[in-house]
PDB file of N, CA and C in Angstrom:
ATOM      1  N   MET A   1     115.262 140.441  59.759  1.00  0.00           N
ATOM      2  CA  MET A   1     114.579 139.515  60.636  1.00  0.00           C
ATOM      3  C   MET A   1     114.162 140.214  61.920  1.00  0.00           C
ATOM      4  N   SER A   2     112.960 139.960  62.326  1.00  0.00           N
ATOM      5  CA  SER A   2     112.482 140.559  63.558  1.00  0.00           C
ATOM      6  C   SER A   2     112.552 139.529  64.688  1.00  0.00           C
ATOM      7  N   LYS A   3     112.822 140.037  65.855  1.00  0.00           N
ATOM      8  CA  LYS A   3     112.875 139.150  67.022  1.00  0.00           C
ATOM      9  C   LYS A   3     111.456 138.816  67.448  1.00  0.00           C
ATOM     10  N   GLN A   4     111.241 137.541  67.774  1.00  0.00           N
ATOM     11  CA  GLN A   4     109.912 137.151  68.238  1.00  0.00           C
ATOM     12  C   GLN A   4     109.843 137.392  69.739  1.00  0.00           C
ATOM     13  N   LYS A   5     108.752 138.028  70.137  1.00  0.00           N
ATOM     14  CA  LYS A   5     108.547 138.327  71.536  1.00  0.00           C
ATOM     15  C   LYS A   5     107.928 137.121  72.223  1.00  0.00           C
ATOM     16  N   LYS A   6     108.400 136.772  73.422  1.00  0.00           N
ATOM     17  CA  LYS A   6     107.835 135.666  74.174  1.00  0.00           C
ATOM     18  C   LYS A   6     106.466 136.069  74.710  1.00  0.00           C
ATOM     19  N   GLN A   7     105.507 135.190  74.500  1.00  0.00           N
ATOM     20  CA  GLN A   7     104.155 135.477  74.952  1.00  0.00           C
ATOM     21  C   GLN A   7     104.122 135.508  76.475  1.00  0.00           C
ATOM     22  N   ARG A   8     103.440 136.469  77.029  1.00  0.00           N
ATOM     23  CA  ARG A   8     103.417 136.647  78.474  1.00  0.00           C
ATOM     24  C   ARG A   8     102.665 135.523  79.174  1.00  0.00           C
ATOM     25  N   PHE A   9     101.519 135.135  78.659  1.00  0.00           N
ATOM     26  CA  PHE A   9     100.711 134.084  79.273  1.00  0.00           C
ATOM     27  C   PHE A   9     100.665 132.895  78.326  1.00  0.00           C
ATOM     28  N   GLU A  10     101.575 131.967  78.495  1.00  0.00           N
ATOM     29  CA  GLU A  10     101.633 130.812  77.618  1.00  0.00           C
ATOM     30  C   GLU A  10     100.432 129.901  77.839  1.00  0.00           C
ATOM     31  N   GLY A  11      99.754 129.524  76.757  1.00  0.00           N
ATOM     32  CA  GLY A  11      98.633 128.605  76.827  1.00  0.00           C
ATOM     33  C   GLY A  11      97.307 129.265  77.171  1.00  0.00           C
ATOM     34  N   ILE A  12      97.302 130.496  77.634  1.00  0.00           N
ATOM     35  CA  ILE A  12      96.071 131.210  77.973  1.00  0.00           C
ATOM     36  C   ILE A  12      95.719 132.132  76.813  1.00  0.00           C
ATOM     37  N   VAL A  13      94.552 131.905  76.251  1.00  0.00           N
ATOM     38  CA  VAL A  13      94.123 132.741  75.144  1.00  0.00           C
ATOM     39  C   VAL A  13      93.263 133.892  75.668  1.00  0.00           C
ATOM     40  N   TYR A  14      92.250 133.529  76.459  1.00  0.00           N
ATOM     41  CA  TYR A  14      91.340 134.543  76.959  1.00  0.00           C
ATOM     42  C   TYR A  14      90.582 133.983  78.151  1.00  0.00           C
ATOM     43  N   SER A  15      90.365 134.785  79.160  1.00  0.00           N
ATOM     44  CA  SER A  15      89.601 134.351  80.322  1.00  0.00           C
ATOM     45  C   SER A  15      88.558 135.405  80.659  1.00  0.00           C
ATOM     46  N   THR A  16      87.312 134.951  80.893  1.00  0.00           N
ATOM     47  CA  THR A  16      86.238 135.876  81.246  1.00  0.00           C
ATOM     48  C   THR A  16      86.047 135.976  82.761  1.00  0.00           C
ATOM     49  N   ALA A  17      86.796 135.190  83.513  1.00  0.00           N
ATOM     50  CA  ALA A  17      86.648 135.198  84.968  1.00  0.00           C
ATOM     51  C   ALA A  17      87.222 136.492  85.543  1.00  0.00           C
ATOM     52  N   ASN A  18      86.437 137.134  86.421  1.00  0.00           N
ATOM     53  CA  ASN A  18      86.885 138.372  87.053  1.00  0.00           C
ATOM     54  C   ASN A  18      88.005 138.133  88.056  1.00  0.00           C
ATOM     55  N   ASP A  19      87.986 136.955  88.696  1.00  0.00           N
ATOM     56  CA  ASP A  19      88.979 136.670  89.728  1.00  0.00           C
ATOM     57  C   ASP A  19      90.140 135.813  89.203  1.00  0.00           C
ATOM     58  N   PHE A  20      90.345 135.800  87.880  1.00  0.00           N
ATOM     59  CA  PHE A  20      91.405 134.990  87.287  1.00  0.00           C
ATOM     60  C   PHE A  20      92.765 135.544  87.672  1.00  0.00           C
ATOM     61  N   ASP A  21      93.633 134.650  88.190  1.00  0.00           N
ATOM     62  CA  ASP A  21      94.987 135.038  88.555  1.00  0.00           C
ATOM     63  C   ASP A  21      95.948 134.076  87.884  1.00  0.00           C
ATOM     64  N   TYR A  22      96.679 134.546  86.907  1.00  0.00           N
ATOM     65  CA  TYR A  22      97.596 133.691  86.161  1.00  0.00           C
ATOM     66  C   TYR A  22      98.871 133.461  86.965  1.00  0.00           C
ATOM     67  N   VAL A  23      99.255 132.186  87.096  1.00  0.00           N
ATOM     68  CA  VAL A  23     100.510 131.827  87.752  1.00  0.00           C
ATOM     69  C   VAL A  23     101.337 131.071  86.726  1.00  0.00           C
ATOM     70  N   ASP A  24     102.479 131.632  86.381  1.00  0.00           N
ATOM     71  CA  ASP A  24     103.323 130.965  85.396  1.00  0.00           C
ATOM     72  C   ASP A  24     104.172 129.887  86.053  1.00  0.00           C
ATOM     73  N   ALA A  25     104.806 129.062  85.235  1.00  0.00           N
ATOM     74  CA  ALA A  25     105.603 127.947  85.743  1.00  0.00           C
ATOM     75  C   ALA A  25     106.783 128.436  86.563  1.00  0.00           C
ATOM     76  N   GLU A  26     107.305 129.602  86.256  1.00  0.00           N
ATOM     77  CA  GLU A  26     108.434 130.134  87.006  1.00  0.00           C
ATOM     78  C   GLU A  26     108.021 130.577  88.403  1.00  0.00           C
ATOM     79  N   GLY A  27     106.766 130.935  88.583  1.00  0.00           N
ATOM     80  CA  GLY A  27     106.283 131.409  89.868  1.00  0.00           C
ATOM     81  C   GLY A  27     105.909 130.289  90.826  1.00  0.00           C
ATOM     82  N   MET A  28     105.808 129.079  90.309  1.00  0.00           N
ATOM     83  CA  MET A  28     105.421 127.956  91.167  1.00  0.00           C
ATOM     84  C   MET A  28     106.622 127.499  91.978  1.00  0.00           C
ATOM     85  N   GLU A  29     106.381 127.163  93.232  1.00  0.00           N
ATOM     86  CA  GLU A  29     107.460 126.687  94.083  1.00  0.00           C
ATOM     87  C   GLU A  29     107.595 125.183  93.952  1.00  0.00           C
ATOM     88  N   ALA A  30     108.808 124.703  94.111  1.00  0.00           N
ATOM     89  CA  ALA A  30     109.071 123.267  94.028  1.00  0.00           C
ATOM     90  C   ALA A  30     108.493 122.563  95.250  1.00  0.00           C
ATOM     91  N   GLU A  31     108.074 121.341  95.033  1.00  0.00           N
ATOM     92  CA  GLU A  31     107.504 120.549  96.108  1.00  0.00           C
ATOM     93  C   GLU A  31     108.600 120.151  97.089  1.00  0.00           C
ATOM     94  N   GLU A  32     108.315 120.268  98.372  1.00  0.00           N
ATOM     95  CA  GLU A  32     109.280 119.899  99.405  1.00  0.00           C
ATOM     96  C   GLU A  32     109.478 118.398  99.429  1.00  0.00           C
ATOM     97  N   THR A  33     110.688 117.967  99.693  1.00  0.00           N
ATOM     98  CA  THR A  33     110.991 116.549  99.791  1.00  0.00           C
ATOM     99  C   THR A  33     110.641 116.061 101.191  1.00  0.00           C
ATOM    100  N   LEU A  34     109.854 114.985 101.236  1.00  0.00           N
ATOM    101  CA  LEU A  34     109.501 114.399 102.522  1.00  0.00           C
ATOM    102  C   LEU A  34     110.728 113.756 103.147  1.00  0.00           C
ATOM    103  N   PRO A  35     110.770 113.671 104.487  1.00  0.00           N
ATOM    104  CA  PRO A  35     111.875 112.957 105.135  1.00  0.00           C
ATOM    105  C   PRO A  35     111.883 111.489 104.706  1.00  0.00           C
ATOM    106  N   ILE A  36     113.047 110.873 104.779  1.00  0.00           N
ATOM    107  CA  ILE A  36     113.213 109.489 104.320  1.00  0.00           C
ATOM    108  C   ILE A  36     112.225 108.551 104.996  1.00  0.00           C
ATOM    109  N   ALA A  37     112.012 108.698 106.272  1.00  0.00           N
ATOM    110  CA  ALA A  37     111.125 107.794 107.011  1.00  0.00           C
ATOM    111  C   ALA A  37     109.670 107.909 106.568  1.00  0.00           C
ATOM    112  N   ARG A  38     109.282 109.059 106.015  1.00  0.00           N
ATOM    113  CA  ARG A  38     107.884 109.263 105.598  1.00  0.00           C
ATOM    114  C   ARG A  38     107.640 108.931 104.127  1.00  0.00           C
ATOM    115  N   GLN A  39     108.690 108.644 103.383  1.00  0.00           N
ATOM    116  CA  GLN A  39     108.543 108.268 101.975  1.00  0.00           C
ATOM    117  C   GLN A  39     107.964 106.864 101.895  1.00  0.00           C
ATOM    118  N   LYS A  40     106.937 106.681 101.076  1.00  0.00           N
ATOM    119  CA  LYS A  40     106.319 105.368 100.874  1.00  0.00           C
ATOM    120  C   LYS A  40     106.552 104.962  99.430  1.00  0.00           C
ATOM    121  N   LEU A  41     107.585 104.161  99.206  1.00  0.00           N
ATOM    122  CA  LEU A  41     107.990 103.792  97.861  1.00  0.00           C
ATOM    123  C   LEU A  41     107.505 102.398  97.506  1.00  0.00           C
ATOM    124  N   LYS A  42     107.233 102.196  96.228  1.00  0.00           N
ATOM    125  CA  LYS A  42     106.833 100.894  95.698  1.00  0.00           C
ATOM    126  C   LYS A  42     107.849 100.483  94.650  1.00  0.00           C
ATOM    127  N   VAL A  43     108.301  99.223  94.716  1.00  0.00           N
ATOM    128  CA  VAL A  43     109.265  98.698  93.752  1.00  0.00           C
ATOM    129  C   VAL A  43     108.566  97.619  92.944  1.00  0.00           C
ATOM    130  N   LEU A  44     108.602  97.735  91.609  1.00  0.00           N
ATOM    131  CA  LEU A  44     107.934  96.772  90.752  1.00  0.00           C
ATOM    132  C   LEU A  44     108.720  96.562  89.468  1.00  0.00           C
ATOM    133  N   LEU A  45     108.403  95.482  88.770  1.00  0.00           N
ATOM    134  CA  LEU A  45     109.009  95.181  87.464  1.00  0.00           C
ATOM    135  C   LEU A  45     108.008  95.511  86.376  1.00  0.00           C
ATOM    136  N   ASP A  46     108.523  95.911  85.206  1.00  0.00           N
ATOM    137  CA  ASP A  46     107.657  96.253  84.092  1.00  0.00           C
ATOM    138  C   ASP A  46     108.311  95.833  82.786  1.00  0.00           C
ATOM    139  N   ARG A  47     107.483  95.348  81.851  1.00  0.00           N
ATOM    140  CA  ARG A  47     107.952  94.966  80.515  1.00  0.00           C
ATOM    141  C   ARG A  47     107.162  95.673  79.423  1.00  0.00           C
ATOM    142  N   LYS A  48     106.082  96.314  79.774  1.00  0.00           N
ATOM    143  CA  LYS A  48     105.190  96.908  78.780  1.00  0.00           C
ATOM    144  C   LYS A  48     105.884  98.025  78.014  1.00  0.00           C
ATOM    145  N   ALA A  49     105.662  98.040  76.709  1.00  0.00           N
ATOM    146  CA  ALA A  49     106.185  99.067  75.798  1.00  0.00           C
ATOM    147  C   ALA A  49     107.703  99.181  75.852  1.00  0.00           C
ATOM    148  N   ARG A  50     108.388  98.081  76.170  1.00  0.00           N
ATOM    149  CA  ARG A  50     109.843  98.090  76.239  1.00  0.00           C
ATOM    150  C   ARG A  50     110.457  96.947  75.434  1.00  0.00           C
ATOM    151  N   LYS A  51     109.703  96.426  74.469  1.00  0.00           N
ATOM    152  CA  LYS A  51     110.153  95.345  73.599  1.00  0.00           C
ATOM    153  C   LYS A  51     110.624  94.125  74.386  1.00  0.00           C
ATOM    154  N   GLY A  52     109.949  93.801  75.475  1.00  0.00           N
ATOM    155  CA  GLY A  52     110.265  92.621  76.267  1.00  0.00           C
ATOM    156  C   GLY A  52     111.381  92.805  77.269  1.00  0.00           C
ATOM    157  N   LYS A  53     112.038  93.953  77.276  1.00  0.00           N
ATOM    158  CA  LYS A  53     113.118  94.213  78.226  1.00  0.00           C
ATOM    159  C   LYS A  53     112.518  94.506  79.600  1.00  0.00           C
ATOM    160  N   VAL A  54     113.164  94.002  80.631  1.00  0.00           N
ATOM    161  CA  VAL A  54     112.680  94.187  81.998  1.00  0.00           C
ATOM    162  C   VAL A  54     113.248  95.484  82.571  1.00  0.00           C
ATOM    163  N   VAL A  55     112.397  96.242  83.246  1.00  0.00           N
ATOM    164  CA  VAL A  55     112.800  97.476  83.900  1.00  0.00           C
ATOM    165  C   VAL A  55     112.256  97.450  85.326  1.00  0.00           C
ATOM    166  N   THR A  56     113.084  97.801  86.282  1.00  0.00           N
ATOM    167  CA  THR A  56     112.655  97.926  87.671  1.00  0.00           C
ATOM    168  C   THR A  56     112.235  99.377  87.889  1.00  0.00           C
ATOM    169  N   ILE A  57     111.035  99.566  88.446  1.00  0.00           N
ATOM    170  CA  ILE A  57     110.484 100.912  88.643  1.00  0.00           C
ATOM    171  C   ILE A  57     110.307 101.168  90.136  1.00  0.00           C
ATOM    172  N   VAL A  58     110.717 102.358  90.562  1.00  0.00           N
ATOM    173  CA  VAL A  58     110.491 102.814  91.936  1.00  0.00           C
ATOM    174  C   VAL A  58     109.491 103.962  91.842  1.00  0.00           C
ATOM    175  N   GLN A  59     108.313 103.765  92.448  1.00  0.00           N
ATOM    176  CA  GLN A  59     107.247 104.775  92.397  1.00  0.00           C
ATOM    177  C   GLN A  59     106.992 105.333  93.785  1.00  0.00           C
ATOM    178  N   GLY A  60     106.355 106.503  93.806  1.00  0.00           N
ATOM    179  CA  GLY A  60     105.876 107.064  95.063  1.00  0.00           C
ATOM    180  C   GLY A  60     106.797 108.076  95.707  1.00  0.00           C
ATOM    181  N   PHE A  61     107.874 108.463  95.069  1.00  0.00           N
ATOM    182  CA  PHE A  61     108.791 109.441  95.656  1.00  0.00           C
ATOM    183  C   PHE A  61     108.143 110.813  95.653  1.00  0.00           C
ATOM    184  N   VAL A  62     108.128 111.472  96.800  1.00  0.00           N
ATOM    185  CA  VAL A  62     107.565 112.815  96.920  1.00  0.00           C
ATOM    186  C   VAL A  62     108.698 113.767  97.239  1.00  0.00           C
ATOM    187  N   GLY A  63     108.976 114.671  96.295  1.00  0.00           N
ATOM    188  CA  GLY A  63     110.060 115.618  96.526  1.00  0.00           C
ATOM    189  C   GLY A  63     110.469 116.325  95.263  1.00  0.00           C
ATOM    190  N   THR A  64     111.590 117.009  95.348  1.00  0.00           N
ATOM    191  CA  THR A  64     112.082 117.789  94.224  1.00  0.00           C
ATOM    192  C   THR A  64     112.751 116.888  93.194  1.00  0.00           C
ATOM    193  N   GLU A  65     112.868 117.411  91.984  1.00  0.00           N
ATOM    194  CA  GLU A  65     113.523 116.670  90.900  1.00  0.00           C
ATOM    195  C   GLU A  65     114.984 116.383  91.241  1.00  0.00           C
ATOM    196  N   THR A  66     115.636 117.312  91.916  1.00  0.00           N
ATOM    197  CA  THR A  66     117.039 117.139  92.280  1.00  0.00           C
ATOM    198  C   THR A  66     117.215 115.949  93.214  1.00  0.00           C
ATOM    199  N   ASP A  67     116.356 115.850  94.226  1.00  0.00           N
ATOM    200  CA  ASP A  67     116.442 114.729  95.164  1.00  0.00           C
ATOM    201  C   ASP A  67     116.103 113.410  94.483  1.00  0.00           C
ATOM    202  N   LEU A  68     115.138 113.447  93.567  1.00  0.00           N
ATOM    203  CA  LEU A  68     114.778 112.246  92.813  1.00  0.00           C
ATOM    204  C   LEU A  68     115.962 111.790  91.960  1.00  0.00           C
ATOM    205  N   ASN A  69     116.618 112.730  91.291  1.00  0.00           N
ATOM    206  CA  ASN A  69     117.777 112.398  90.466  1.00  0.00           C
ATOM    207  C   ASN A  69     118.937 111.872  91.305  1.00  0.00           C
ATOM    208  N   ASP A  70     119.124 112.422  92.507  1.00  0.00           N
ATOM    209  CA  ASP A  70     120.187 111.942  93.398  1.00  0.00           C
ATOM    210  C   ASP A  70     119.941 110.501  93.827  1.00  0.00           C
ATOM    211  N   LEU A  71     118.689 110.192  94.180  1.00  0.00           N
ATOM    212  CA  LEU A  71     118.355 108.824  94.583  1.00  0.00           C
ATOM    213  C   LEU A  71     118.511 107.871  93.404  1.00  0.00           C
ATOM    214  N   ALA A  72     118.094 108.296  92.213  1.00  0.00           N
ATOM    215  CA  ALA A  72     118.232 107.462  91.016  1.00  0.00           C
ATOM    216  C   ALA A  72     119.701 107.194  90.722  1.00  0.00           C
ATOM    217  N   LYS A  73     120.531 108.197  90.856  1.00  0.00           N
ATOM    218  CA  LYS A  73     121.962 108.041  90.607  1.00  0.00           C
ATOM    219  C   LYS A  73     122.573 107.034  91.579  1.00  0.00           C
ATOM    220  N   LYS A  74     122.172 107.138  92.840  1.00  0.00           N
ATOM    221  CA  LYS A  74     122.690 106.218  93.854  1.00  0.00           C
ATOM    222  C   LYS A  74     122.283 104.770  93.548  1.00  0.00           C
ATOM    223  N   LEU A  75     121.019 104.572  93.168  1.00  0.00           N
ATOM    224  CA  LEU A  75     120.537 103.222  92.861  1.00  0.00           C
ATOM    225  C   LEU A  75     121.218 102.663  91.612  1.00  0.00           C
ATOM    226  N   LYS A  76     121.402 103.502  90.605  1.00  0.00           N
ATOM    227  CA  LYS A  76     122.061 103.053  89.379  1.00  0.00           C
ATOM    228  C   LYS A  76     123.505 102.648  89.656  1.00  0.00           C
ATOM    229  N   GLN A  77     124.190 103.391  90.517  1.00  0.00           N
ATOM    230  CA  GLN A  77     125.570 103.059  90.853  1.00  0.00           C
ATOM    231  C   GLN A  77     125.657 101.754  91.632  1.00  0.00           C
ATOM    232  N   LYS A  78     124.750 101.570  92.586  1.00  0.00           N
ATOM    233  CA  LYS A  78     124.760 100.343  93.396  1.00  0.00           C
ATOM    234  C   LYS A  78     124.456  99.104  92.564  1.00  0.00           C
ATOM    235  N   CYS A  79     123.601  99.259  91.543  1.00  0.00           N
ATOM    236  CA  CYS A  79     123.235  98.126  90.691  1.00  0.00           C
ATOM    237  C   CYS A  79     124.185  97.976  89.503  1.00  0.00           C
ATOM    238  N   GLY A  80     124.944  99.016  89.192  1.00  0.00           N
ATOM    239  CA  GLY A  80     125.885  98.961  88.087  1.00  0.00           C
ATOM    240  C   GLY A  80     125.229  98.949  86.724  1.00  0.00           C
ATOM    241  N   VAL A  81     124.083  99.611  86.601  1.00  0.00           N
ATOM    242  CA  VAL A  81     123.354  99.649  85.338  1.00  0.00           C
ATOM    243  C   VAL A  81     122.893 101.071  85.041  1.00  0.00           C
ATOM    244  N   GLY A  82     122.262 101.246  83.897  1.00  0.00           N
ATOM    245  CA  GLY A  82     121.714 102.536  83.511  1.00  0.00           C
ATOM    246  C   GLY A  82     120.277 102.674  83.958  1.00  0.00           C
ATOM    247  N   GLY A  83     119.730 103.835  83.708  1.00  0.00           N
ATOM    248  CA  GLY A  83     118.343 104.094  84.068  1.00  0.00           C
ATOM    249  C   GLY A  83     118.033 105.560  83.911  1.00  0.00           C
ATOM    250  N   ALA A  84     116.893 105.956  84.439  1.00  0.00           N
ATOM    251  CA  ALA A  84     116.455 107.348  84.326  1.00  0.00           C
ATOM    252  C   ALA A  84     115.518 107.687  85.466  1.00  0.00           C
ATOM    253  N   ALA A  85     115.348 108.982  85.682  1.00  0.00           N
ATOM    254  CA  ALA A  85     114.382 109.480  86.655  1.00  0.00           C
ATOM    255  C   ALA A  85     113.500 110.473  85.928  1.00  0.00           C
ATOM    256  N   LYS A  86     112.207 110.135  85.771  1.00  0.00           N
ATOM    257  CA  LYS A  86     111.297 111.049  85.100  1.00  0.00           C
ATOM    258  C   LYS A  86     109.875 110.813  85.584  1.00  0.00           C
ATOM    259  N   ASP A  87     109.084 111.857  85.564  1.00  0.00           N
ATOM    260  CA  ASP A  87     107.680 111.810  85.966  1.00  0.00           C
ATOM    261  C   ASP A  87     107.502 111.252  87.372  1.00  0.00           C
ATOM    262  N   GLY A  88     108.426 111.550  88.265  1.00  0.00           N
ATOM    263  CA  GLY A  88     108.302 111.096  89.648  1.00  0.00           C
ATOM    264  C   GLY A  88     108.623 109.626  89.852  1.00  0.00           C
ATOM    265  N   GLU A  89     109.172 108.972  88.844  1.00  0.00           N
ATOM    266  CA  GLU A  89     109.528 107.563  88.936  1.00  0.00           C
ATOM    267  C   GLU A  89     111.005 107.388  88.627  1.00  0.00           C
ATOM    268  N   ILE A  90     111.572 106.309  89.174  1.00  0.00           N
ATOM    269  CA  ILE A  90     112.945 105.946  88.866  1.00  0.00           C
ATOM    270  C   ILE A  90     112.898 104.652  88.070  1.00  0.00           C
ATOM    271  N   LEU A  91     113.507 104.651  86.896  1.00  0.00           N
ATOM    272  CA  LEU A  91     113.560 103.473  86.037  1.00  0.00           C
ATOM    273  C   LEU A  91     114.984 102.938  86.057  1.00  0.00           C
ATOM    274  N   ILE A  92     115.143 101.669  86.431  1.00  0.00           N
ATOM    275  CA  ILE A  92     116.441 101.006  86.460  1.00  0.00           C
ATOM    276  C   ILE A  92     116.403  99.858  85.467  1.00  0.00           C
ATOM    277  N   GLN A  93     117.355  99.801  84.561  1.00  0.00           N
ATOM    278  CA  GLN A  93     117.378  98.763  83.539  1.00  0.00           C
ATOM    279  C   GLN A  93     117.720  97.418  84.171  1.00  0.00           C
ATOM    280  N   GLY A  94     116.865  96.426  83.927  1.00  0.00           N
ATOM    281  CA  GLY A  94     117.121  95.074  84.406  1.00  0.00           C
ATOM    282  C   GLY A  94     116.256  94.702  85.598  1.00  0.00           C
ATOM    283  N   ASP A  95     116.376  93.446  86.015  1.00  0.00           N
ATOM    284  CA  ASP A  95     115.597  92.906  87.135  1.00  0.00           C
ATOM    285  C   ASP A  95     116.402  93.039  88.424  1.00  0.00           C
ATOM    286  N   PHE A  96     116.231  94.168  89.115  1.00  0.00           N
ATOM    287  CA  PHE A  96     116.920  94.428  90.370  1.00  0.00           C
ATOM    288  C   PHE A  96     115.915  94.712  91.479  1.00  0.00           C
ATOM    289  N   LYS A  97     114.755  94.100  91.398  1.00  0.00           N
ATOM    290  CA  LYS A  97     113.667  94.373  92.333  1.00  0.00           C
ATOM    291  C   LYS A  97     114.083  94.125  93.778  1.00  0.00           C
ATOM    292  N   GLN A  98     114.623  92.953  94.064  1.00  0.00           N
ATOM    293  CA  GLN A  98     114.982  92.609  95.440  1.00  0.00           C
ATOM    294  C   GLN A  98     116.179  93.426  95.923  1.00  0.00           C
ATOM    295  N   LYS A  99     117.164  93.641  95.062  1.00  0.00           N
ATOM    296  CA  LYS A  99     118.351  94.407  95.449  1.00  0.00           C
ATOM    297  C   LYS A  99     117.988  95.850  95.782  1.00  0.00           C
ATOM    298  N   ILE A 100     117.132  96.464  94.949  1.00  0.00           N
ATOM    299  CA  ILE A 100     116.710  97.847  95.206  1.00  0.00           C
ATOM    300  C   ILE A 100     115.868  97.924  96.464  1.00  0.00           C
ATOM    301  N   PHE A 101     115.006  96.920  96.673  1.00  0.00           N
ATOM    302  CA  PHE A 101     114.204  96.860  97.890  1.00  0.00           C
ATOM    303  C   PHE A 101     115.117  96.850  99.114  1.00  0.00           C
ATOM    304  N   ASP A 102     116.141  95.996  99.088  1.00  0.00           N
ATOM    305  CA  ASP A 102     117.068  95.896 100.215  1.00  0.00           C
ATOM    306  C   ASP A 102     117.858  97.188 100.423  1.00  0.00           C
ATOM    307  N   LEU A 103     118.301  97.809  99.329  1.00  0.00           N
ATOM    308  CA  LEU A 103     119.050  99.064  99.432  1.00  0.00           C
ATOM    309  C   LEU A 103     118.199 100.178 100.040  1.00  0.00           C
ATOM    310  N   LEU A 104     116.967 100.311  99.559  1.00  0.00           N
ATOM    311  CA  LEU A 104     116.078 101.357 100.073  1.00  0.00           C
ATOM    312  C   LEU A 104     115.695 101.104 101.523  1.00  0.00           C
ATOM    313  N   LYS A 105     115.484  99.834 101.871  1.00  0.00           N
ATOM    314  CA  LYS A 105     115.143  99.476 103.247  1.00  0.00           C
ATOM    315  C   LYS A 105     116.301  99.834 104.186  1.00  0.00           C
ATOM    316  N   ALA A 106     117.533  99.562 103.736  1.00  0.00           N
ATOM    317  CA  ALA A 106     118.720  99.882 104.536  1.00  0.00           C
ATOM    318  C   ALA A 106     118.887 101.394 104.714  1.00  0.00           C
ATOM    319  N   GLU A 107     118.457 102.179 103.727  1.00  0.00           N
ATOM    320  CA  GLU A 107     118.533 103.641 103.807  1.00  0.00           C
ATOM    321  C   GLU A 107     117.491 104.211 104.772  1.00  0.00           C
ATOM    322  N   GLY A 108     116.437 103.434 105.068  1.00  0.00           N
ATOM    323  CA  GLY A 108     115.416 103.896 105.994  1.00  0.00           C
ATOM    324  C   GLY A 108     114.083 104.232 105.341  1.00  0.00           C
ATOM    325  N   TYR A 109     113.934 103.971 104.049  1.00  0.00           N
ATOM    326  CA  TYR A 109     112.678 104.245 103.338  1.00  0.00           C
ATOM    327  C   TYR A 109     111.634 103.186 103.705  1.00  0.00           C
ATOM    328  N   ALA A 110     110.366 103.566 103.677  1.00  0.00           N
ATOM    329  CA  ALA A 110     109.264 102.624 103.818  1.00  0.00           C
ATOM    330  C   ALA A 110     108.997 102.073 102.422  1.00  0.00           C
ATOM    331  N   VAL A 111     109.407 100.819 102.183  1.00  0.00           N
ATOM    332  CA  VAL A 111     109.370 100.237 100.841  1.00  0.00           C
ATOM    333  C   VAL A 111     108.424  99.043 100.811  1.00  0.00           C
ATOM    334  N   LYS A 112     107.748  98.884  99.668  1.00  0.00           N
ATOM    335  CA  LYS A 112     106.846  97.755  99.464  1.00  0.00           C
ATOM    336  C   LYS A 112     107.118  97.162  98.097  1.00  0.00           C
ATOM    337  N   LEU A 113     107.161  95.820  98.027  1.00  0.00           N
ATOM    338  CA  LEU A 113     107.304  95.133  96.757  1.00  0.00           C
ATOM    339  C   LEU A 113     105.914  94.977  96.133  1.00  0.00           C
ATOM    340  N   VAL A 114     105.803  95.278  94.855  1.00  0.00           N
ATOM    341  CA  VAL A 114     104.522  95.191  94.150  1.00  0.00           C
ATOM    342  C   VAL A 114     104.669  94.178  93.032  1.00  0.00           C
ATOM    343  N   GLY A 115     103.666  93.332  92.856  1.00  0.00           N
ATOM    344  CA  GLY A 115     103.694  92.325  91.799  1.00  0.00           C
ATOM    345  C   GLY A 115     104.328  91.032  92.266  1.00  0.00           C
ATOM    346  N   GLY A 116     104.237  89.999  91.422  1.00  0.00           N
ATOM    347  CA  GLY A 116     104.704  88.678  91.784  1.00  0.00           C
ATOM    348  C   GLY A 116     106.117  88.480  91.584  1.00  0.00           C
TER     349      GLY A 116
END
């Protein structure tokens, strides 16, 4: 068996541009986390593609994945439910829209309720 060599430029087949500069995912720097007071978060409920189950979503977080996961963990603990943090959003299982709004407001975040 031969060892497979990792391709140097993943996803790039060929480029004719003279000024082409390849930047791999490892070379990209993580986005800085904004201070709490400058974060503009939106809290909303969603049922789509979840078989009728209600999920509370927190959108608009600007920062690193680590900080997003820390905030998600804190919210999940305060609500006593499960959830996830992915694609820049925090998903909390259940209808905790008002409770999460109050928790984030108390932490100092600029929070807005979205939807009825």
